[in-house]
């Protein structure tokens, strides 16, 4: 009996090691392909490049989910595989309803920027294991802007005044910047939780009411100029 128990425990440990290794491989693959995703090494606000790279791969739905935990949609930077997500809400484009879900970010201000300057939309996509539906975070077409942020590679986003669909994912003339994990219609308690949270409530209220020229945290004015 004791030997059987030890064997069972050993199998559990081996399984956990395999799962962790698999998660680390997602991160390693993104690092390995960094120069392919960003040929000029400029990842500023280029989360959409990561999303396009991931959605174009031959993935299962679970692969897609795991990849989308590893980059920040706002900054375009990679995220540590052990990072926790932020629970927040974002307005839905077509209904103006608040959609709650989890967002993986590199730093605190990015959650605030997602909540104020982006919208979510439902998206359907056929993965290797079937058709799935999920919420994605989007921004409007920035290609007509006269103040397009100079620190962002405009060619990644734009082909003239149109969205560059070869470089980023175009959904109803909006650019998909990332995934809202576990997205669902907010309940009243969800909204109260977000608003009372130290980051998504108190901190984000302060940041989102700060004049653009005075922002000096996170991506500062770069993503905001791109998305507003």
Protein backbone atom coordinates (compact mmCIF):
# COMPACT_ATOMS: atom_id res chain seq x y z
CA UNK A 1 0.00 0.00 0.00
CA UNK A 2 2.84 2.32 0.92
CA UNK A 3 4.60 1.63 -2.40
CA UNK A 4 1.42 2.36 -4.34
CA UNK A 5 1.00 5.66 -2.51
CA UNK A 6 4.59 6.66 -3.26
CA UNK A 7 4.13 5.81 -6.94
CA UNK A 8 0.94 7.89 -7.07
CA UNK A 9 2.67 10.84 -5.46
CA UNK A 10 5.56 10.50 -7.89
CA UNK A 11 3.19 10.53 -10.86
CA UNK A 12 1.50 13.67 -9.53
CA UNK A 13 4.87 15.41 -9.14
CA UNK A 14 5.98 14.38 -12.64
CA UNK A 15 2.70 15.63 -14.08
CA UNK A 16 3.13 18.99 -12.35
CA UNK A 17 6.68 19.29 -13.65
CA UNK A 18 5.50 18.58 -17.20
CA UNK A 19 2.77 21.23 -16.93
CA UNK A 20 5.24 23.85 -15.64
CA UNK A 21 7.71 22.95 -18.36
CA UNK A 22 5.02 23.32 -21.00
CA UNK A 23 4.08 26.76 -19.71
CA UNK A 24 7.72 27.83 -19.72
CA UNK A 25 8.02 26.67 -23.31
CA UNK A 26 5.36 29.16 -24.41
CA UNK A 27 7.44 31.93 -22.90
CA UNK A 28 10.65 30.57 -24.39
CA UNK A 29 9.09 30.41 -27.84
CA UNK A 30 8.04 34.05 -27.67
CA UNK A 31 11.56 35.02 -26.64
CA UNK A 32 13.07 32.91 -29.43
CA UNK A 33 10.79 34.50 -32.05
CA UNK A 34 11.13 38.05 -30.71
CA UNK A 35 13.15 39.26 -33.69
CA UNK A 36 10.58 37.79 -36.10
CA UNK A 37 7.72 39.50 -34.29
CA UNK A 38 9.58 42.81 -33.97
CA UNK A 39 12.10 43.05 -36.84
CA UNK A 40 13.20 46.54 -35.76
CA UNK A 41 13.16 45.55 -32.04
CA UNK A 42 10.58 48.24 -31.31
CA UNK A 43 7.82 46.69 -29.19
CA UNK A 44 6.37 49.99 -27.89
CA UNK A 45 2.57 49.61 -27.62
CA UNK A 46 2.87 46.67 -30.03
CA UNK A 47 0.91 44.08 -28.11
CA UNK A 48 -1.19 43.62 -31.29
CA UNK A 49 1.90 42.15 -32.98
CA UNK A 50 2.04 39.43 -30.35
CA UNK A 51 -1.67 38.70 -30.74
CA UNK A 52 -1.37 38.42 -34.53
CA UNK A 53 1.66 36.14 -34.23
CA UNK A 54 -0.21 33.88 -31.78
CA UNK A 55 -3.55 33.71 -33.64
CA UNK A 56 -1.77 32.82 -36.88
CA UNK A 57 -0.11 29.76 -35.32
CA UNK A 58 -1.55 26.23 -35.46
CA UNK A 59 -2.82 26.28 -31.89
CA UNK A 60 -5.26 24.50 -29.68
CA UNK A 61 -7.53 26.81 -27.73
CA UNK A 62 -5.52 26.10 -24.57
CA UNK A 63 -2.28 27.03 -26.37
CA UNK A 64 -3.91 30.29 -27.43
CA UNK A 65 -4.94 31.05 -23.84
CA UNK A 66 -1.48 30.30 -22.44
CA UNK A 67 0.36 32.41 -25.02
CA UNK A 68 -1.94 35.35 -24.28
CA UNK A 69 -0.92 35.32 -20.60
CA UNK A 70 2.65 36.15 -21.52
CA UNK A 71 2.57 39.62 -23.06
CA UNK A 72 1.13 42.98 -22.12
CA UNK A 73 -1.37 44.23 -24.70
CA UNK A 74 -0.65 47.86 -23.77
CA UNK A 75 3.14 47.99 -23.63
CA UNK A 76 4.12 45.11 -25.90
CA UNK A 77 6.49 43.73 -23.28
CA UNK A 78 6.77 40.11 -22.21
CA UNK A 79 5.36 39.06 -18.83
CA UNK A 80 6.88 36.62 -16.37
CA UNK A 81 5.10 33.23 -16.60
CA UNK A 82 4.35 33.36 -12.86
CA UNK A 83 2.59 36.73 -12.98
CA UNK A 84 -0.93 37.11 -11.65
CA UNK A 85 -3.75 38.74 -13.61
CA UNK A 86 -5.84 41.80 -12.73
CA UNK A 87 -9.63 41.52 -12.48
CA UNK A 88 -11.18 44.48 -14.28
CA UNK A 89 -13.96 45.54 -16.61
CA UNK A 90 -13.94 47.03 -20.10
CA UNK A 91 -16.81 48.49 -22.13
CA UNK A 92 -18.16 46.32 -24.94
CA UNK A 93 -18.06 48.09 -28.31
CA UNK A 94 -21.52 47.23 -29.59
CA UNK A 95 -23.57 47.28 -26.39
CA UNK A 96 -21.65 49.61 -24.03
CA UNK A 97 -22.13 46.90 -21.39
CA UNK A 98 -19.31 46.32 -18.92
CA UNK A 99 -17.50 43.04 -19.54
CA UNK A 100 -15.48 41.64 -16.64
CA UNK A 101 -12.45 39.42 -16.94
CA UNK A 102 -8.78 38.96 -16.18
CA UNK A 103 -5.97 40.94 -17.77
CA UNK A 104 -2.28 40.02 -17.63
CA UNK A 105 -0.15 43.15 -17.53
CA UNK A 106 3.48 44.11 -17.05
CA UNK A 107 2.79 47.00 -14.68
CA UNK A 108 -0.10 48.58 -12.80
CA UNK A 109 -0.83 51.56 -15.12
CA UNK A 110 -1.53 49.23 -18.05
CA UNK A 111 -4.70 47.96 -16.36
CA UNK A 112 -5.95 51.53 -16.05
CA UNK A 113 -5.19 52.27 -19.69
CA UNK A 114 -7.07 49.16 -20.83
CA UNK A 115 -10.12 50.12 -18.79
CA UNK A 116 -10.26 53.68 -20.11
CA UNK A 117 -8.92 53.58 -23.67
CA UNK A 118 -9.95 50.21 -25.07
CA UNK A 119 -13.14 48.29 -25.78
CA UNK A 120 -13.88 44.58 -25.98
CA UNK A 121 -15.59 42.58 -28.69
CA UNK A 122 -16.64 38.96 -29.02
CA UNK A 123 -14.58 37.03 -31.49
CA UNK A 124 -14.99 33.55 -32.94
CA UNK A 125 -12.05 31.57 -34.21
CA UNK A 126 -11.46 27.98 -35.30
CA UNK A 127 -8.52 26.38 -33.50
CA UNK A 128 -7.14 22.91 -34.11
CA UNK A 129 -9.57 21.55 -31.50
CA UNK A 130 -12.64 23.40 -32.74
CA UNK A 131 -14.50 26.72 -32.96
CA UNK A 132 -14.30 28.91 -29.86
CA UNK A 133 -15.76 32.25 -28.82
CA UNK A 134 -14.03 34.73 -26.51
CA UNK A 135 -13.65 38.43 -25.74
CA UNK A 136 -10.73 40.39 -27.19
CA UNK A 137 -9.46 43.84 -26.25
CA UNK A 138 -9.50 46.29 -29.15
CA UNK A 139 -8.64 49.87 -30.05
CA UNK A 140 -9.99 51.97 -32.90
CA UNK A 141 -8.08 52.46 -36.13
CA UNK A 142 -5.25 54.90 -35.26
CA UNK A 143 -3.99 55.38 -38.81
CA UNK A 144 -5.64 58.77 -39.44
CA UNK A 145 -4.02 60.37 -36.39
CA UNK A 146 -1.95 63.49 -36.90
CA UNK A 147 -0.29 62.89 -33.52
CA UNK A 148 0.52 59.21 -34.01
CA UNK A 149 3.17 58.55 -31.31
CA UNK A 150 6.62 58.75 -32.86
CA UNK A 151 8.02 56.04 -30.56
CA UNK A 152 5.62 53.48 -32.08
CA UNK A 153 6.37 51.79 -35.39
CA UNK A 154 3.42 52.98 -37.47
CA UNK A 155 4.12 50.41 -40.19
CA UNK A 156 3.20 47.68 -37.72
CA UNK A 157 -0.29 49.11 -37.41
CA UNK A 158 -1.02 50.94 -40.62
CA UNK A 159 -0.98 50.61 -44.37
CA UNK A 160 -1.67 54.20 -45.32
CA UNK A 161 -4.88 55.13 -43.53
CA UNK A 162 -6.03 51.53 -43.28
CA UNK A 163 -5.19 48.92 -40.64
CA UNK A 164 -2.27 46.75 -41.76
CA UNK A 165 -4.01 43.37 -41.57
CA UNK A 166 -0.77 41.57 -42.44
CA UNK A 167 0.81 42.80 -39.23
CA UNK A 168 -2.09 43.09 -36.74
CA UNK A 169 -5.52 41.47 -36.39
CA UNK A 170 -8.33 43.58 -37.85
CA UNK A 171 -11.75 42.96 -36.29
CA UNK A 172 -14.52 45.19 -37.68
CA UNK A 173 -11.98 47.95 -38.41
CA UNK A 174 -10.61 47.82 -34.88
CA UNK A 175 -7.19 46.47 -33.90
CA UNK A 176 -7.12 43.53 -31.52
CA UNK A 177 -4.44 44.17 -28.91
CA UNK A 178 -4.97 41.15 -26.63
CA UNK A 179 -7.31 38.75 -24.88
CA UNK A 180 -9.64 39.43 -21.96
CA UNK A 181 -9.39 36.14 -20.09
CA UNK A 182 -12.59 34.59 -18.74
CA UNK A 183 -14.61 37.45 -20.17
CA UNK A 184 -18.28 37.68 -19.15
CA UNK A 185 -21.00 40.23 -18.56
CA UNK A 186 -20.32 41.99 -15.26
CA UNK A 187 -22.60 41.55 -12.29
CA UNK A 188 -23.17 44.37 -9.81
CA UNK A 189 -20.85 42.74 -7.28
CA UNK A 190 -18.12 42.45 -9.94
CA UNK A 191 -18.29 46.16 -10.69
CA UNK A 192 -18.20 47.05 -6.99
CA UNK A 193 -15.18 44.77 -6.55
CA UNK A 194 -13.27 46.47 -9.36
CA UNK A 195 -14.14 49.98 -8.17
CA UNK A 196 -13.19 49.25 -4.57
CA UNK A 197 -9.87 47.59 -5.44
CA UNK A 198 -6.71 49.49 -4.54
CA UNK A 199 -5.42 49.39 -8.13
CA UNK A 200 -8.42 49.22 -10.46
CA UNK A 201 -10.38 51.56 -8.22
CA UNK A 202 -8.35 54.11 -6.30
CA UNK A 203 -5.15 54.14 -8.36
CA UNK A 204 -6.85 53.98 -11.76
CA UNK A 205 -9.22 56.81 -10.87
CA UNK A 206 -6.22 58.99 -10.07
CA UNK A 207 -4.29 57.97 -13.21
CA UNK A 208 -7.24 58.28 -15.56
CA UNK A 209 -7.94 61.80 -14.35
CA UNK A 210 -4.35 62.94 -14.73
CA UNK A 211 -3.64 65.22 -17.74
CA UNK A 212 -1.86 63.40 -20.55
CA UNK A 213 1.23 65.62 -20.39
CA UNK A 214 1.76 64.73 -16.72
CA UNK A 215 1.69 60.96 -17.07
CA UNK A 216 5.08 59.43 -16.36
CA UNK A 217 4.27 55.85 -15.35
CA UNK A 218 3.92 52.72 -17.45
CA UNK A 219 3.84 53.52 -21.16
CA UNK A 220 3.06 57.13 -20.23
CA UNK A 221 1.36 58.90 -23.11
CA UNK A 222 2.46 56.44 -25.83
CA UNK A 223 -0.37 53.92 -25.72
CA UNK A 224 -2.92 56.61 -24.82
CA UNK A 225 -2.02 58.69 -27.89
CA UNK A 226 -2.35 55.54 -29.96
CA UNK A 227 -5.68 54.40 -28.52
CA UNK A 228 -7.67 57.48 -27.54
